[in-house]
Amino acid sequence: MHAEPEDYEKYPTYRVNFWQSGPGQVSFNLEAFVVSGALDVNQVKEWIRDHAAGRSYELFVEVDGTVPDDYRKPRVAALIRIEGRDPNMGEMTEIGRFIPG
């Protein structure tokens, strides 16, 4: 048996971070957007393709369901990353491994 939850987001709010570095820069610069009113994640990915201009990106969905209303206030909703990564985080490196004796 499959049941849909009573509370779900028909049009969730997404966040997109575009990352870009210039010549000689060690870190990446961020340009962030809130995307609302999209029919589905594919429409958001289409928006990303139209606006990426060669930049790498991260795509998130907000989990609290608040609708953006004042873009002067920082968004504080928890995020789930759908795609991409923050290039400032560097590469993951294994620093050790526990081997039970």
N, C-alpha and C. Protein backbone atom coordinates (compact mmCIF):
# COMPACT_ATOMS: atom_id res chain seq x y z
N MET A 1 0.84 -1.17 0.00
CA MET A 1 0.00 0.00 0.00
C MET A 1 0.89 1.24 0.00
N HIS A 2 0.53 2.21 -0.80
CA HIS A 2 1.30 3.45 -0.91
C HIS A 2 0.38 4.62 -0.58
N ALA A 3 0.82 5.47 0.31
CA ALA A 3 0.01 6.64 0.67
C ALA A 3 0.86 7.89 0.55
N GLU A 4 0.28 8.92 -0.01
CA GLU A 4 0.97 10.21 -0.11
C GLU A 4 0.82 10.94 1.22
N PRO A 5 1.88 11.62 1.65
CA PRO A 5 1.75 12.40 2.89
C PRO A 5 0.78 13.56 2.69
N GLU A 6 0.13 13.96 3.77
CA GLU A 6 -0.79 15.11 3.68
C GLU A 6 -0.03 16.40 3.45
N ASP A 7 1.17 16.49 4.01
CA ASP A 7 1.94 17.72 3.93
C ASP A 7 3.13 17.52 3.00
N TYR A 8 3.06 18.14 1.83
CA TYR A 8 4.19 18.10 0.91
C TYR A 8 4.22 19.41 0.14
N GLU A 9 5.36 19.71 -0.44
CA GLU A 9 5.53 20.96 -1.18
C GLU A 9 5.24 20.73 -2.66
N LYS A 10 4.17 21.33 -3.14
CA LYS A 10 3.84 21.20 -4.56
C LYS A 10 4.87 21.93 -5.41
N TYR A 11 5.30 23.11 -4.95
CA TYR A 11 6.31 23.90 -5.66
C TYR A 11 7.41 24.25 -4.66
N PRO A 12 8.36 23.34 -4.43
CA PRO A 12 9.41 23.63 -3.45
C PRO A 12 10.29 24.79 -3.90
N THR A 13 10.98 25.36 -2.94
CA THR A 13 11.93 26.44 -3.21
C THR A 13 13.31 25.81 -3.37
N TYR A 14 14.01 26.23 -4.40
CA TYR A 14 15.35 25.72 -4.70
C TYR A 14 16.36 26.83 -4.48
N ARG A 15 17.58 26.43 -4.24
CA ARG A 15 18.69 27.39 -4.21
C ARG A 15 19.76 26.92 -5.17
N VAL A 16 20.36 27.87 -5.86
CA VAL A 16 21.42 27.58 -6.82
C VAL A 16 22.62 28.45 -6.47
N ASN A 17 23.76 27.80 -6.31
CA ASN A 17 25.02 28.50 -6.11
C ASN A 17 25.86 28.32 -7.36
N PHE A 18 26.23 29.42 -8.00
CA PHE A 18 27.17 29.38 -9.11
C PHE A 18 28.55 29.71 -8.57
N TRP A 19 29.56 28.95 -9.00
CA TRP A 19 30.93 29.13 -8.53
C TRP A 19 31.83 29.47 -9.71
N GLN A 20 32.74 30.45 -9.50
CA GLN A 20 33.66 30.85 -10.56
C GLN A 20 34.93 31.37 -9.93
N SER A 21 36.06 31.06 -10.54
CA SER A 21 37.34 31.62 -10.10
C SER A 21 37.99 32.33 -11.27
N GLY A 22 38.75 33.35 -10.95
CA GLY A 22 39.45 34.10 -11.98
C GLY A 22 40.90 33.66 -12.08
N PRO A 23 41.62 34.19 -13.05
CA PRO A 23 43.03 33.83 -13.20
C PRO A 23 43.81 34.16 -11.92
N GLY A 24 44.58 33.21 -11.46
CA GLY A 24 45.41 33.43 -10.27
C GLY A 24 44.67 33.33 -8.95
N GLN A 25 43.37 33.12 -8.98
CA GLN A 25 42.60 33.00 -7.74
C GLN A 25 42.69 31.58 -7.22
N VAL A 26 42.85 31.46 -5.90
CA VAL A 26 42.90 30.15 -5.27
C VAL A 26 41.49 29.70 -4.89
N SER A 27 40.67 30.64 -4.44
CA SER A 27 39.31 30.30 -4.03
C SER A 27 38.32 30.68 -5.14
N PHE A 28 37.10 30.23 -4.95
CA PHE A 28 36.03 30.48 -5.92
C PHE A 28 35.06 31.52 -5.38
N ASN A 29 34.52 32.35 -6.26
CA ASN A 29 33.51 33.33 -5.89
C ASN A 29 32.12 32.73 -6.07
N LEU A 30 31.20 33.17 -5.20
CA LEU A 30 29.84 32.64 -5.18
C LEU A 30 28.85 33.67 -5.68
N GLU A 31 27.93 33.23 -6.53
CA GLU A 31 26.74 34.01 -6.87
C GLU A 31 25.55 33.09 -6.60
N ALA A 32 24.68 33.49 -5.66
CA ALA A 32 23.61 32.61 -5.18
C ALA A 32 22.24 33.13 -5.60
N PHE A 33 21.33 32.19 -5.87
CA PHE A 33 19.98 32.52 -6.29
C PHE A 33 18.97 31.65 -5.56
N VAL A 34 17.79 32.21 -5.34
CA VAL A 34 16.63 31.47 -4.85
C VAL A 34 15.70 31.32 -6.04
N VAL A 35 15.28 30.08 -6.33
CA VAL A 35 14.40 29.81 -7.46
C VAL A 35 13.09 29.25 -6.90
N SER A 36 12.00 29.96 -7.17
CA SER A 36 10.70 29.50 -6.67
C SER A 36 9.70 29.47 -7.82
N GLY A 37 8.65 28.69 -7.62
CA GLY A 37 7.58 28.60 -8.62
C GLY A 37 7.86 27.65 -9.76
N ALA A 38 8.97 26.90 -9.69
CA ALA A 38 9.27 25.94 -10.76
C ALA A 38 8.32 24.75 -10.68
N LEU A 39 7.95 24.23 -11.83
CA LEU A 39 7.05 23.07 -11.88
C LEU A 39 7.72 21.82 -11.33
N ASP A 40 9.05 21.68 -11.60
CA ASP A 40 9.79 20.52 -11.11
C ASP A 40 11.28 20.81 -11.19
N VAL A 41 12.09 19.87 -10.74
CA VAL A 41 13.54 20.08 -10.71
C VAL A 41 14.10 20.20 -12.12
N ASN A 42 13.48 19.57 -13.10
CA ASN A 42 13.97 19.70 -14.47
C ASN A 42 13.86 21.13 -14.98
N GLN A 43 12.82 21.83 -14.58
CA GLN A 43 12.69 23.23 -14.97
C GLN A 43 13.79 24.07 -14.31
N VAL A 44 14.15 23.75 -13.08
CA VAL A 44 15.24 24.45 -12.40
C VAL A 44 16.56 24.17 -13.10
N LYS A 45 16.79 22.92 -13.49
CA LYS A 45 18.03 22.58 -14.19
C LYS A 45 18.11 23.28 -15.55
N GLU A 46 16.98 23.47 -16.20
CA GLU A 46 16.95 24.24 -17.45
C GLU A 46 17.33 25.70 -17.17
N TRP A 47 16.82 26.26 -16.08
CA TRP A 47 17.18 27.62 -15.69
C TRP A 47 18.68 27.71 -15.43
N ILE A 48 19.23 26.70 -14.78
CA ILE A 48 20.68 26.68 -14.51
C ILE A 48 21.45 26.68 -15.83
N ARG A 49 21.07 25.82 -16.77
CA ARG A 49 21.76 25.78 -18.07
C ARG A 49 21.72 27.14 -18.75
N ASP A 50 20.61 27.85 -18.64
CA ASP A 50 20.46 29.15 -19.28
C ASP A 50 21.29 30.24 -18.60
N HIS A 51 21.65 30.06 -17.32
CA HIS A 51 22.33 31.11 -16.57
C HIS A 51 23.74 30.76 -16.09
N ALA A 52 24.19 29.55 -16.32
CA ALA A 52 25.49 29.12 -15.77
C ALA A 52 26.67 29.85 -16.40
N ALA A 53 26.62 30.15 -17.67
CA ALA A 53 27.71 30.85 -18.35
C ALA A 53 29.07 30.20 -18.08
N GLY A 54 29.09 28.87 -18.12
CA GLY A 54 30.35 28.14 -17.94
C GLY A 54 30.77 27.91 -16.50
N ARG A 55 29.99 28.42 -15.56
CA ARG A 55 30.35 28.26 -14.15
C ARG A 55 29.89 26.90 -13.62
N SER A 56 30.59 26.39 -12.62
CA SER A 56 30.10 25.20 -11.93
C SER A 56 29.00 25.63 -10.98
N TYR A 57 28.23 24.67 -10.48
CA TYR A 57 27.09 25.04 -9.64
C TYR A 57 26.78 23.96 -8.62
N GLU A 58 25.99 24.36 -7.62
CA GLU A 58 25.36 23.45 -6.68
C GLU A 58 23.87 23.73 -6.74
N LEU A 59 23.07 22.67 -6.64
CA LEU A 59 21.61 22.79 -6.64
C LEU A 59 21.09 22.17 -5.35
N PHE A 60 20.28 22.94 -4.62
CA PHE A 60 19.69 22.52 -3.36
C PHE A 60 18.18 22.67 -3.41
N VAL A 61 17.49 21.92 -2.57
CA VAL A 61 16.08 22.14 -2.31
C VAL A 61 15.95 22.49 -0.83
N GLU A 62 15.11 23.50 -0.53
CA GLU A 62 14.87 23.88 0.86
C GLU A 62 13.89 22.89 1.48
N VAL A 63 14.07 22.60 2.77
CA VAL A 63 13.22 21.59 3.40
C VAL A 63 12.15 22.16 4.32
N ASP A 64 12.12 23.45 4.56
CA ASP A 64 11.13 23.96 5.52
C ASP A 64 9.85 24.48 4.89
N GLY A 65 9.80 24.66 3.59
CA GLY A 65 8.57 25.03 2.92
C GLY A 65 8.16 26.48 3.01
N THR A 66 9.04 27.37 3.48
CA THR A 66 8.67 28.79 3.52
C THR A 66 8.82 29.38 2.12
N VAL A 67 7.90 30.24 1.79
CA VAL A 67 7.90 30.89 0.48
C VAL A 67 8.75 32.15 0.55
N PRO A 68 9.66 32.36 -0.41
CA PRO A 68 10.45 33.59 -0.40
C PRO A 68 9.54 34.81 -0.51
N ASP A 69 9.72 35.78 0.40
CA ASP A 69 8.87 36.97 0.33
C ASP A 69 9.67 38.27 0.43
N ASP A 70 10.82 38.23 1.04
CA ASP A 70 11.63 39.44 1.17
C ASP A 70 13.08 39.06 0.90
N TYR A 71 13.57 39.44 -0.26
CA TYR A 71 14.91 39.03 -0.67
C TYR A 71 16.01 39.81 0.03
N ARG A 72 15.64 40.75 0.91
CA ARG A 72 16.65 41.45 1.71
C ARG A 72 17.01 40.66 2.95
N LYS A 73 16.18 39.68 3.31
CA LYS A 73 16.44 38.84 4.48
C LYS A 73 17.18 37.57 4.04
N PRO A 74 18.18 37.16 4.82
CA PRO A 74 18.87 35.91 4.48
C PRO A 74 17.93 34.72 4.60
N ARG A 75 18.07 33.75 3.72
CA ARG A 75 17.31 32.50 3.81
C ARG A 75 17.98 31.63 4.87
N VAL A 76 17.19 31.03 5.73
CA VAL A 76 17.74 30.22 6.82
C VAL A 76 17.25 28.77 6.80
N ALA A 77 16.53 28.39 5.77
CA ALA A 77 15.99 27.03 5.68
C ALA A 77 17.12 26.02 5.53
N ALA A 78 16.91 24.83 6.10
CA ALA A 78 17.85 23.74 5.88
C ALA A 78 17.80 23.34 4.40
N LEU A 79 18.92 22.84 3.90
CA LEU A 79 19.03 22.50 2.49
C LEU A 79 19.41 21.04 2.30
N ILE A 80 18.94 20.48 1.20
CA ILE A 80 19.40 19.17 0.75
C ILE A 80 20.04 19.37 -0.61
N ARG A 81 21.32 19.00 -0.71
CA ARG A 81 22.01 19.15 -2.00
C ARG A 81 21.51 18.07 -2.95
N ILE A 82 21.12 18.50 -4.15
CA ILE A 82 20.65 17.58 -5.19
C ILE A 82 21.79 17.27 -6.16
N GLU A 83 22.59 18.30 -6.44
CA GLU A 83 23.63 18.16 -7.46
C GLU A 83 24.75 19.14 -7.19
N GLY A 84 25.95 18.79 -7.61
CA GLY A 84 27.09 19.69 -7.55
C GLY A 84 27.85 19.61 -6.24
N ARG A 85 28.87 20.47 -6.13
CA ARG A 85 29.68 20.54 -4.92
C ARG A 85 30.30 21.91 -4.80
N ASP A 86 30.67 22.28 -3.58
CA ASP A 86 31.34 23.55 -3.30
C ASP A 86 32.82 23.36 -3.61
N PRO A 87 33.35 24.04 -4.64
CA PRO A 87 34.76 23.84 -5.01
C PRO A 87 35.73 24.36 -3.96
N ASN A 88 35.28 25.20 -3.04
CA ASN A 88 36.16 25.69 -1.98
C ASN A 88 36.42 24.63 -0.91
N MET A 89 35.63 23.55 -0.94
CA MET A 89 35.79 22.51 0.07
C MET A 89 37.02 21.63 -0.20
N GLY A 90 37.57 21.66 -1.39
CA GLY A 90 38.74 20.85 -1.70
C GLY A 90 38.37 19.39 -1.93
N GLU A 91 39.40 18.60 -2.11
CA GLU A 91 39.20 17.18 -2.35
C GLU A 91 39.20 16.43 -1.03
N MET A 92 38.38 15.38 -0.95
CA MET A 92 38.35 14.54 0.24
C MET A 92 39.61 13.67 0.24
N THR A 93 40.24 13.57 1.39
CA THR A 93 41.45 12.79 1.54
C THR A 93 41.30 11.86 2.72
N GLU A 94 41.64 10.62 2.54
CA GLU A 94 41.59 9.66 3.64
C GLU A 94 42.80 9.92 4.53
N ILE A 95 42.57 10.16 5.82
CA ILE A 95 43.68 10.44 6.73
C ILE A 95 44.03 9.24 7.61
N GLY A 96 43.27 8.22 7.51
CA GLY A 96 43.56 7.02 8.30
C GLY A 96 42.44 6.02 8.17
N ARG A 97 42.70 4.82 8.59
CA ARG A 97 41.68 3.78 8.51
C ARG A 97 41.82 2.90 9.73
N PHE A 98 40.69 2.67 10.36
CA PHE A 98 40.67 1.79 11.54
C PHE A 98 40.57 0.35 11.06
N ILE A 99 41.50 -0.45 11.50
CA ILE A 99 41.47 -1.87 11.17
C ILE A 99 41.37 -2.63 12.49
N PRO A 100 40.22 -3.26 12.71
CA PRO A 100 40.06 -3.97 13.98
C PRO A 100 41.08 -5.09 14.10
N GLY A 101 41.63 -5.23 15.32
CA GLY A 101 42.68 -6.19 15.56
C GLY A 101 42.17 -7.46 16.00
